Amino acid sequence: MKVLGIKTSVTGVRYAILEKSASGAIVFCNQEDNRLLFPRDLDSDSKRLVWFFNEFSRLISMHQDIDKVVIKVPESGQRETNALRFSHYLDAMILLGTERHNPPIPCLGVQYKALHTRSSEVREFVCSKGIPKTPHYWDIAMGDAIAAALSGLE
């Protein structure tokens, strides 16, 4: 089984592709290539959304064997901000992309409660599950993407 975990933000998207072998071992398939950064010349949300939808479609077409997509969504009860709103738009693009894929890919959103961790502990949580740190840009967003993918393997 192969799962794509995603964490969106106003600056870009972090993603992790994890695969569980028949023996139960978990393999981190994309340690090097794991982020989509918005080009600086995209000067509006609509242009960023179109760019992201195309990049996400390309990503899932490159990995035809993805069985599930899990999005780390923002926590409930946060104050609405432009950045949070844009993150919701990106999450909607992911839902649209998984539904339009042929065949459609099951997609769900999870929060920290379902992941059994929290923002301040997510990197340590991922390492405790035997997933190695990424060589570059090891941050909370990457931890969120990996934790989301892990939850989809269970």
N, C-alpha and C. Protein backbone atom coordinates (compact mmCIF):
# COMPACT_ATOMS: atom_id res chain seq x y z
N MET A 1 0.84 -1.18 0.00
CA MET A 1 0.00 0.00 0.00
C MET A 1 0.89 1.24 0.00
N LYS A 2 0.49 2.23 -0.79
CA LYS A 2 1.25 3.48 -0.89
C LYS A 2 0.31 4.65 -0.57
N VAL A 3 0.78 5.54 0.33
CA VAL A 3 -0.04 6.67 0.78
C VAL A 3 0.74 7.97 0.58
N LEU A 4 0.02 8.99 0.10
CA LEU A 4 0.56 10.33 -0.06
C LEU A 4 0.01 11.19 1.07
N GLY A 5 0.90 11.72 1.92
CA GLY A 5 0.52 12.64 2.99
C GLY A 5 0.89 14.05 2.57
N ILE A 6 0.00 15.02 2.86
CA ILE A 6 0.21 16.39 2.40
C ILE A 6 -0.08 17.40 3.51
N LYS A 7 0.74 18.45 3.56
CA LYS A 7 0.51 19.60 4.42
C LYS A 7 0.66 20.85 3.56
N THR A 8 -0.42 21.65 3.49
CA THR A 8 -0.40 22.85 2.66
C THR A 8 -0.12 24.09 3.51
N SER A 9 0.42 25.12 2.87
CA SER A 9 0.61 26.41 3.52
C SER A 9 0.64 27.49 2.46
N VAL A 10 0.66 28.72 2.87
CA VAL A 10 0.64 29.85 1.95
C VAL A 10 1.91 29.93 1.10
N THR A 11 3.01 29.38 1.59
CA THR A 11 4.27 29.44 0.84
C THR A 11 4.52 28.24 -0.05
N GLY A 12 3.88 27.12 0.26
CA GLY A 12 4.10 25.92 -0.52
C GLY A 12 3.46 24.72 0.11
N VAL A 13 3.78 23.57 -0.44
CA VAL A 13 3.17 22.33 -0.01
C VAL A 13 4.27 21.31 0.26
N ARG A 14 4.17 20.63 1.39
CA ARG A 14 5.09 19.53 1.70
C ARG A 14 4.33 18.24 1.53
N TYR A 15 4.99 17.22 1.02
CA TYR A 15 4.33 15.94 0.82
C TYR A 15 5.28 14.78 1.11
N ALA A 16 4.70 13.68 1.52
CA ALA A 16 5.46 12.47 1.81
C ALA A 16 4.73 11.28 1.19
N ILE A 17 5.49 10.44 0.52
CA ILE A 17 4.93 9.21 -0.04
C ILE A 17 5.55 8.06 0.74
N LEU A 18 4.69 7.35 1.46
CA LEU A 18 5.14 6.21 2.25
C LEU A 18 4.52 4.94 1.68
N GLU A 19 5.30 3.88 1.71
CA GLU A 19 4.82 2.59 1.22
C GLU A 19 5.03 1.55 2.29
N LYS A 20 4.01 0.72 2.49
CA LYS A 20 4.10 -0.38 3.45
C LYS A 20 4.24 -1.67 2.65
N SER A 21 5.33 -2.37 2.90
CA SER A 21 5.59 -3.61 2.17
C SER A 21 4.74 -4.74 2.75
N ALA A 22 4.76 -5.87 2.08
CA ALA A 22 4.01 -7.04 2.55
C ALA A 22 4.50 -7.50 3.92
N SER A 23 5.78 -7.25 4.20
CA SER A 23 6.34 -7.65 5.50
C SER A 23 6.02 -6.65 6.61
N GLY A 24 5.42 -5.50 6.24
CA GLY A 24 5.05 -4.49 7.24
C GLY A 24 6.06 -3.37 7.37
N ALA A 25 7.16 -3.43 6.64
CA ALA A 25 8.16 -2.37 6.69
C ALA A 25 7.64 -1.13 5.97
N ILE A 26 7.96 0.04 6.52
CA ILE A 26 7.53 1.30 5.92
C ILE A 26 8.72 1.96 5.23
N VAL A 27 8.51 2.32 3.97
CA VAL A 27 9.56 2.94 3.16
C VAL A 27 9.14 4.37 2.83
N PHE A 28 10.03 5.32 3.08
CA PHE A 28 9.82 6.73 2.74
C PHE A 28 10.33 6.90 1.32
N CYS A 29 9.42 7.01 0.36
CA CYS A 29 9.78 6.96 -1.07
C CYS A 29 10.35 8.25 -1.63
N ASN A 30 10.15 9.38 -0.99
CA ASN A 30 10.57 10.66 -1.59
C ASN A 30 11.31 11.55 -0.60
N GLN A 31 12.35 11.04 0.00
CA GLN A 31 13.11 11.83 0.98
C GLN A 31 13.71 13.08 0.38
N GLU A 32 14.13 13.05 -0.86
CA GLU A 32 14.79 14.20 -1.48
C GLU A 32 13.81 15.21 -2.08
N ASP A 33 12.83 14.74 -2.81
CA ASP A 33 11.88 15.61 -3.52
C ASP A 33 10.56 15.59 -2.76
N ASN A 34 10.32 16.60 -1.90
CA ASN A 34 9.15 16.53 -1.04
C ASN A 34 8.47 17.88 -0.80
N ARG A 35 8.68 18.84 -1.68
CA ARG A 35 7.99 20.12 -1.51
C ARG A 35 7.71 20.76 -2.86
N LEU A 36 6.60 21.47 -2.87
CA LEU A 36 6.20 22.26 -4.03
C LEU A 36 6.13 23.70 -3.57
N LEU A 37 7.04 24.53 -4.05
CA LEU A 37 7.06 25.95 -3.68
C LEU A 37 6.46 26.76 -4.81
N PHE A 38 5.62 27.72 -4.45
CA PHE A 38 4.98 28.55 -5.45
C PHE A 38 6.01 29.47 -6.12
N PRO A 39 6.00 29.52 -7.45
CA PRO A 39 6.91 30.46 -8.14
C PRO A 39 6.61 31.90 -7.71
N ARG A 40 7.65 32.69 -7.56
CA ARG A 40 7.50 34.07 -7.08
C ARG A 40 6.72 34.96 -8.04
N ASP A 41 6.71 34.63 -9.32
CA ASP A 41 6.02 35.49 -10.28
C ASP A 41 4.50 35.28 -10.30
N LEU A 42 3.99 34.33 -9.54
CA LEU A 42 2.55 34.14 -9.45
C LEU A 42 2.00 35.15 -8.44
N ASP A 43 1.31 36.16 -8.93
CA ASP A 43 0.95 37.30 -8.09
C ASP A 43 -0.50 37.30 -7.59
N SER A 44 -1.21 36.19 -7.75
CA SER A 44 -2.57 36.14 -7.22
C SER A 44 -2.87 34.72 -6.74
N ASP A 45 -3.85 34.63 -5.84
CA ASP A 45 -4.24 33.32 -5.33
C ASP A 45 -4.74 32.42 -6.45
N SER A 46 -5.50 32.98 -7.38
CA SER A 46 -6.04 32.15 -8.46
C SER A 46 -4.93 31.55 -9.31
N LYS A 47 -3.89 32.31 -9.58
CA LYS A 47 -2.76 31.78 -10.36
C LYS A 47 -2.01 30.70 -9.58
N ARG A 48 -1.86 30.91 -8.27
CA ARG A 48 -1.20 29.89 -7.43
C ARG A 48 -2.02 28.61 -7.39
N LEU A 49 -3.35 28.74 -7.33
CA LEU A 49 -4.21 27.56 -7.29
C LEU A 49 -4.14 26.77 -8.59
N VAL A 50 -4.17 27.45 -9.71
CA VAL A 50 -4.05 26.77 -11.01
C VAL A 50 -2.70 26.07 -11.10
N TRP A 51 -1.63 26.77 -10.72
CA TRP A 51 -0.29 26.18 -10.75
C TRP A 51 -0.24 24.93 -9.86
N PHE A 52 -0.78 25.06 -8.63
CA PHE A 52 -0.74 23.93 -7.71
C PHE A 52 -1.56 22.75 -8.24
N PHE A 53 -2.75 23.01 -8.78
CA PHE A 53 -3.57 21.92 -9.30
C PHE A 53 -2.82 21.16 -10.39
N ASN A 54 -2.15 21.88 -11.27
CA ASN A 54 -1.38 21.23 -12.33
C ASN A 54 -0.21 20.42 -11.76
N GLU A 55 0.49 20.98 -10.76
CA GLU A 55 1.61 20.27 -10.14
C GLU A 55 1.13 19.04 -9.37
N PHE A 56 0.01 19.17 -8.67
CA PHE A 56 -0.53 18.03 -7.92
C PHE A 56 -0.97 16.93 -8.89
N SER A 57 -1.61 17.32 -9.98
CA SER A 57 -2.03 16.34 -11.00
C SER A 57 -0.81 15.62 -11.57
N ARG A 58 0.25 16.37 -11.83
CA ARG A 58 1.49 15.78 -12.32
C ARG A 58 2.08 14.79 -11.31
N LEU A 59 2.06 15.18 -10.04
CA LEU A 59 2.60 14.34 -8.98
C LEU A 59 1.86 13.01 -8.89
N ILE A 60 0.54 13.05 -8.89
CA ILE A 60 -0.19 11.78 -8.77
C ILE A 60 -0.13 10.96 -10.06
N SER A 61 0.08 11.62 -11.18
CA SER A 61 0.24 10.85 -12.42
C SER A 61 1.61 10.16 -12.46
N MET A 62 2.60 10.75 -11.81
CA MET A 62 3.93 10.13 -11.73
C MET A 62 3.92 8.93 -10.79
N HIS A 63 3.01 8.94 -9.82
CA HIS A 63 2.91 7.86 -8.83
C HIS A 63 1.54 7.22 -8.96
N GLN A 64 1.34 6.48 -10.03
CA GLN A 64 0.04 5.87 -10.34
C GLN A 64 -0.41 4.86 -9.28
N ASP A 65 0.53 4.37 -8.48
CA ASP A 65 0.19 3.32 -7.51
C ASP A 65 -0.18 3.86 -6.13
N ILE A 66 -0.47 5.15 -6.01
CA ILE A 66 -0.92 5.70 -4.73
C ILE A 66 -2.33 5.19 -4.43
N ASP A 67 -2.50 4.61 -3.25
CA ASP A 67 -3.78 4.03 -2.86
C ASP A 67 -4.67 5.01 -2.10
N LYS A 68 -4.04 6.01 -1.46
CA LYS A 68 -4.81 6.93 -0.62
C LYS A 68 -4.03 8.22 -0.46
N VAL A 69 -4.76 9.34 -0.29
CA VAL A 69 -4.16 10.64 0.00
C VAL A 69 -4.73 11.11 1.33
N VAL A 70 -3.83 11.55 2.22
CA VAL A 70 -4.25 12.05 3.53
C VAL A 70 -3.70 13.47 3.69
N ILE A 71 -4.59 14.42 3.97
CA ILE A 71 -4.22 15.82 4.12
C ILE A 71 -4.20 16.16 5.61
N LYS A 72 -3.11 16.78 6.07
CA LYS A 72 -3.09 17.33 7.44
C LYS A 72 -3.78 18.68 7.36
N VAL A 73 -5.02 18.74 7.85
CA VAL A 73 -5.81 19.97 7.77
C VAL A 73 -5.61 20.81 9.02
N PRO A 74 -5.87 22.12 8.93
CA PRO A 74 -5.73 22.99 10.12
C PRO A 74 -6.68 22.56 11.24
N GLU A 75 -6.27 22.86 12.44
CA GLU A 75 -7.08 22.51 13.60
C GLU A 75 -8.36 23.33 13.63
N SER A 76 -9.40 22.76 14.19
CA SER A 76 -10.68 23.47 14.32
C SER A 76 -10.55 24.60 15.34
N GLY A 77 -11.34 25.63 15.14
CA GLY A 77 -11.38 26.72 16.12
C GLY A 77 -10.33 27.79 15.94
N GLN A 78 -9.50 27.69 14.90
CA GLN A 78 -8.51 28.73 14.66
C GLN A 78 -9.20 29.95 14.05
N ARG A 79 -8.68 31.12 14.37
CA ARG A 79 -9.23 32.34 13.76
C ARG A 79 -8.95 32.34 12.27
N GLU A 80 -9.93 32.78 11.52
CA GLU A 80 -9.79 32.83 10.06
C GLU A 80 -8.79 33.92 9.67
N THR A 81 -7.82 33.55 8.86
CA THR A 81 -6.84 34.49 8.32
C THR A 81 -6.75 34.24 6.82
N ASN A 82 -6.12 35.15 6.10
CA ASN A 82 -5.92 34.94 4.67
C ASN A 82 -5.09 33.69 4.40
N ALA A 83 -4.06 33.46 5.22
CA ALA A 83 -3.21 32.29 5.03
C ALA A 83 -4.00 31.00 5.27
N LEU A 84 -4.82 30.98 6.32
CA LEU A 84 -5.61 29.80 6.61
C LEU A 84 -6.65 29.56 5.51
N ARG A 85 -7.24 30.62 5.04
CA ARG A 85 -8.23 30.50 3.96
C ARG A 85 -7.57 29.93 2.70
N PHE A 86 -6.38 30.42 2.36
CA PHE A 86 -5.67 29.91 1.19
C PHE A 86 -5.32 28.44 1.37
N SER A 87 -4.95 28.05 2.57
CA SER A 87 -4.66 26.65 2.85
C SER A 87 -5.90 25.78 2.60
N HIS A 88 -7.07 26.28 2.97
CA HIS A 88 -8.32 25.55 2.70
C HIS A 88 -8.54 25.42 1.19
N TYR A 89 -8.23 26.47 0.44
CA TYR A 89 -8.37 26.41 -1.02
C TYR A 89 -7.46 25.32 -1.60
N LEU A 90 -6.22 25.26 -1.10
CA LEU A 90 -5.29 24.23 -1.58
C LEU A 90 -5.80 22.83 -1.25
N ASP A 91 -6.34 22.67 -0.03
CA ASP A 91 -6.90 21.38 0.35
C ASP A 91 -8.04 21.00 -0.60
N ALA A 92 -8.85 21.98 -1.01
CA ALA A 92 -9.94 21.72 -1.95
C ALA A 92 -9.39 21.29 -3.31
N MET A 93 -8.27 21.87 -3.74
CA MET A 93 -7.65 21.47 -5.00
C MET A 93 -7.19 20.02 -4.94
N ILE A 94 -6.70 19.61 -3.78
CA ILE A 94 -6.28 18.21 -3.60
C ILE A 94 -7.49 17.29 -3.71
N LEU A 95 -8.58 17.66 -3.05
CA LEU A 95 -9.80 16.85 -3.12
C LEU A 95 -10.29 16.74 -4.57
N LEU A 96 -10.26 17.84 -5.28
CA LEU A 96 -10.68 17.84 -6.67
C LEU A 96 -9.75 16.96 -7.52
N GLY A 97 -8.46 17.11 -7.30
CA GLY A 97 -7.49 16.32 -8.07
C GLY A 97 -7.62 14.82 -7.83
N THR A 98 -7.86 14.42 -6.58
CA THR A 98 -8.00 12.98 -6.30
C THR A 98 -9.30 12.43 -6.87
N GLU A 99 -10.34 13.24 -6.87
CA GLU A 99 -11.62 12.79 -7.41
C GLU A 99 -11.59 12.70 -8.94
N ARG A 100 -10.85 13.61 -9.58
CA ARG A 100 -10.78 13.61 -11.05
C ARG A 100 -9.78 12.59 -11.59
N HIS A 101 -8.93 12.07 -10.72
CA HIS A 101 -7.97 11.05 -11.15
C HIS A 101 -8.74 9.82 -11.63
N ASN A 102 -8.15 9.09 -12.58
CA ASN A 102 -8.82 7.91 -13.08
C ASN A 102 -7.99 6.68 -12.74
N PRO A 103 -8.43 5.82 -11.82
CA PRO A 103 -9.64 5.92 -11.03
C PRO A 103 -9.46 6.90 -9.87
N PRO A 104 -10.58 7.38 -9.30
CA PRO A 104 -10.47 8.31 -8.17
C PRO A 104 -9.66 7.70 -7.01
N ILE A 105 -8.92 8.54 -6.32
CA ILE A 105 -8.11 8.11 -5.18
C ILE A 105 -8.82 8.54 -3.91
N PRO A 106 -9.04 7.62 -2.96
CA PRO A 106 -9.65 8.04 -1.69
C PRO A 106 -8.80 9.10 -1.01
N CYS A 107 -9.45 10.13 -0.47
CA CYS A 107 -8.76 11.25 0.16
C CYS A 107 -9.49 11.63 1.44
N LEU A 108 -8.73 11.89 2.50
CA LEU A 108 -9.34 12.34 3.74
C LEU A 108 -8.43 13.36 4.41
N GLY A 109 -9.03 14.15 5.29
CA GLY A 109 -8.29 15.13 6.07
C GLY A 109 -8.21 14.69 7.51
N VAL A 110 -7.07 14.95 8.15
CA VAL A 110 -6.88 14.59 9.56
C VAL A 110 -6.32 15.78 10.32
N GLN A 111 -6.62 15.81 11.61
CA GLN A 111 -6.07 16.81 12.52
C GLN A 111 -5.16 16.10 13.52
N TYR A 112 -4.46 16.87 14.34
CA TYR A 112 -3.50 16.28 15.27
C TYR A 112 -4.13 15.24 16.19
N LYS A 113 -5.36 15.44 16.62
CA LYS A 113 -6.01 14.49 17.52
C LYS A 113 -6.04 13.09 16.89
N ALA A 114 -6.36 13.02 15.61
CA ALA A 114 -6.40 11.73 14.91
C ALA A 114 -4.99 11.18 14.68
N LEU A 115 -3.99 12.06 14.64
CA LEU A 115 -2.60 11.63 14.43
C LEU A 115 -1.93 11.22 15.73
N HIS A 116 -2.56 11.51 16.87
CA HIS A 116 -2.03 11.19 18.19
C HIS A 116 -0.71 11.91 18.49
N THR A 117 -0.65 13.16 18.04
CA THR A 117 0.51 14.01 18.32
C THR A 117 0.05 15.45 18.29
N ARG A 118 0.99 16.37 18.40
CA ARG A 118 0.69 17.81 18.29
C ARG A 118 1.83 18.49 17.56
N SER A 119 1.60 19.73 17.19
CA SER A 119 2.55 20.48 16.37
C SER A 119 3.96 20.48 16.97
N SER A 120 4.05 20.74 18.26
CA SER A 120 5.37 20.86 18.89
C SER A 120 6.11 19.52 19.00
N GLU A 121 5.40 18.41 18.79
CA GLU A 121 6.01 17.09 18.96
C GLU A 121 6.03 16.25 17.69
N VAL A 122 5.52 16.79 16.57
CA VAL A 122 5.32 15.95 15.39
C VAL A 122 6.63 15.43 14.81
N ARG A 123 7.70 16.20 14.83
CA ARG A 123 8.97 15.70 14.27
C ARG A 123 9.51 14.53 15.08
N GLU A 124 9.44 14.63 16.40
CA GLU A 124 9.90 13.54 17.25
C GLU A 124 8.98 12.32 17.09
N PHE A 125 7.67 12.57 16.92
CA PHE A 125 6.70 11.50 16.72
C PHE A 125 7.05 10.70 15.47
N VAL A 126 7.35 11.39 14.38
CA VAL A 126 7.69 10.73 13.12
C VAL A 126 8.96 9.90 13.29
N CYS A 127 9.98 10.46 13.93
CA CYS A 127 11.23 9.73 14.14
C CYS A 127 11.01 8.50 15.01
N SER A 128 10.09 8.60 15.99
CA SER A 128 9.81 7.45 16.86
C SER A 128 9.16 6.30 16.10
N LYS A 129 8.60 6.59 14.94
CA LYS A 129 7.97 5.55 14.11
C LYS A 129 8.96 4.93 13.13
N GLY A 130 10.24 5.34 13.22
CA GLY A 130 11.28 4.76 12.38
C GLY A 130 11.44 5.42 11.03
N ILE A 131 10.82 6.58 10.83
CA ILE A 131 10.95 7.31 9.57
C ILE A 131 12.13 8.27 9.71
N PRO A 132 13.09 8.20 8.79
CA PRO A 132 14.25 9.09 8.90
C PRO A 132 13.91 10.54 8.57
N LYS A 133 14.69 11.45 9.14
CA LYS A 133 14.54 12.88 8.82
C LYS A 133 14.89 13.10 7.36
N THR A 134 14.23 14.10 6.77
CA THR A 134 14.61 14.47 5.41
C THR A 134 15.95 15.18 5.46
N PRO A 135 16.78 15.02 4.43
CA PRO A 135 18.10 15.65 4.45
C PRO A 135 18.04 17.18 4.43
N HIS A 136 16.96 17.74 3.87
CA HIS A 136 16.81 19.19 3.77
C HIS A 136 15.42 19.59 4.26
N TYR A 137 15.32 20.77 4.84
CA TYR A 137 14.05 21.39 5.21
C TYR A 137 13.22 20.52 6.16
N TRP A 138 13.86 19.98 7.17
CA TRP A 138 13.17 19.16 8.16
C TRP A 138 12.44 20.13 9.10
N ASP A 139 11.15 20.23 8.94
CA ASP A 139 10.37 21.17 9.74
C ASP A 139 9.03 20.56 10.13
N ILE A 140 8.21 21.34 10.82
CA ILE A 140 6.92 20.85 11.29
C ILE A 140 6.02 20.46 10.12
N ALA A 141 6.03 21.25 9.05
CA ALA A 141 5.19 20.93 7.89
C ALA A 141 5.56 19.57 7.29
N MET A 142 6.86 19.27 7.23
CA MET A 142 7.27 17.96 6.71
C MET A 142 6.84 16.86 7.67
N GLY A 143 6.99 17.12 8.97
CA GLY A 143 6.52 16.16 9.97
C GLY A 143 5.02 15.91 9.84
N ASP A 144 4.27 16.99 9.59
CA ASP A 144 2.81 16.85 9.40
C ASP A 144 2.50 15.96 8.20
N ALA A 145 3.19 16.18 7.08
CA ALA A 145 2.95 15.39 5.87
C ALA A 145 3.26 13.91 6.12
N ILE A 146 4.37 13.63 6.80
CA ILE A 146 4.75 12.25 7.08
C ILE A 146 3.76 11.62 8.05
N ALA A 147 3.38 12.35 9.11
CA ALA A 147 2.41 11.83 10.08
C ALA A 147 1.07 11.53 9.41
N ALA A 148 0.66 12.40 8.50
CA ALA A 148 -0.60 12.17 7.75
C ALA A 148 -0.49 10.89 6.93
N ALA A 149 0.63 10.71 6.23
CA ALA A 149 0.81 9.49 5.43
C ALA A 149 0.84 8.25 6.33
N LEU A 150 1.51 8.35 7.48
CA LEU A 150 1.54 7.23 8.41
C LEU A 150 0.14 6.83 8.84
N SER A 151 -0.72 7.84 9.10
CA SER A 151 -2.08 7.52 9.54
C SER A 151 -2.86 6.79 8.46
N GLY A 152 -2.53 7.06 7.20
CA GLY A 152 -3.20 6.37 6.10
C GLY A 152 -2.74 4.94 5.90
N LEU A 153 -1.58 4.59 6.44
CA LEU A 153 -1.08 3.22 6.34
C LEU A 153 -1.67 2.30 7.39
N GLU A 154 -2.24 2.87 8.42
CA GLU A 154 -2.76 2.04 9.53
C GLU A 154 -4.06 1.38 9.19
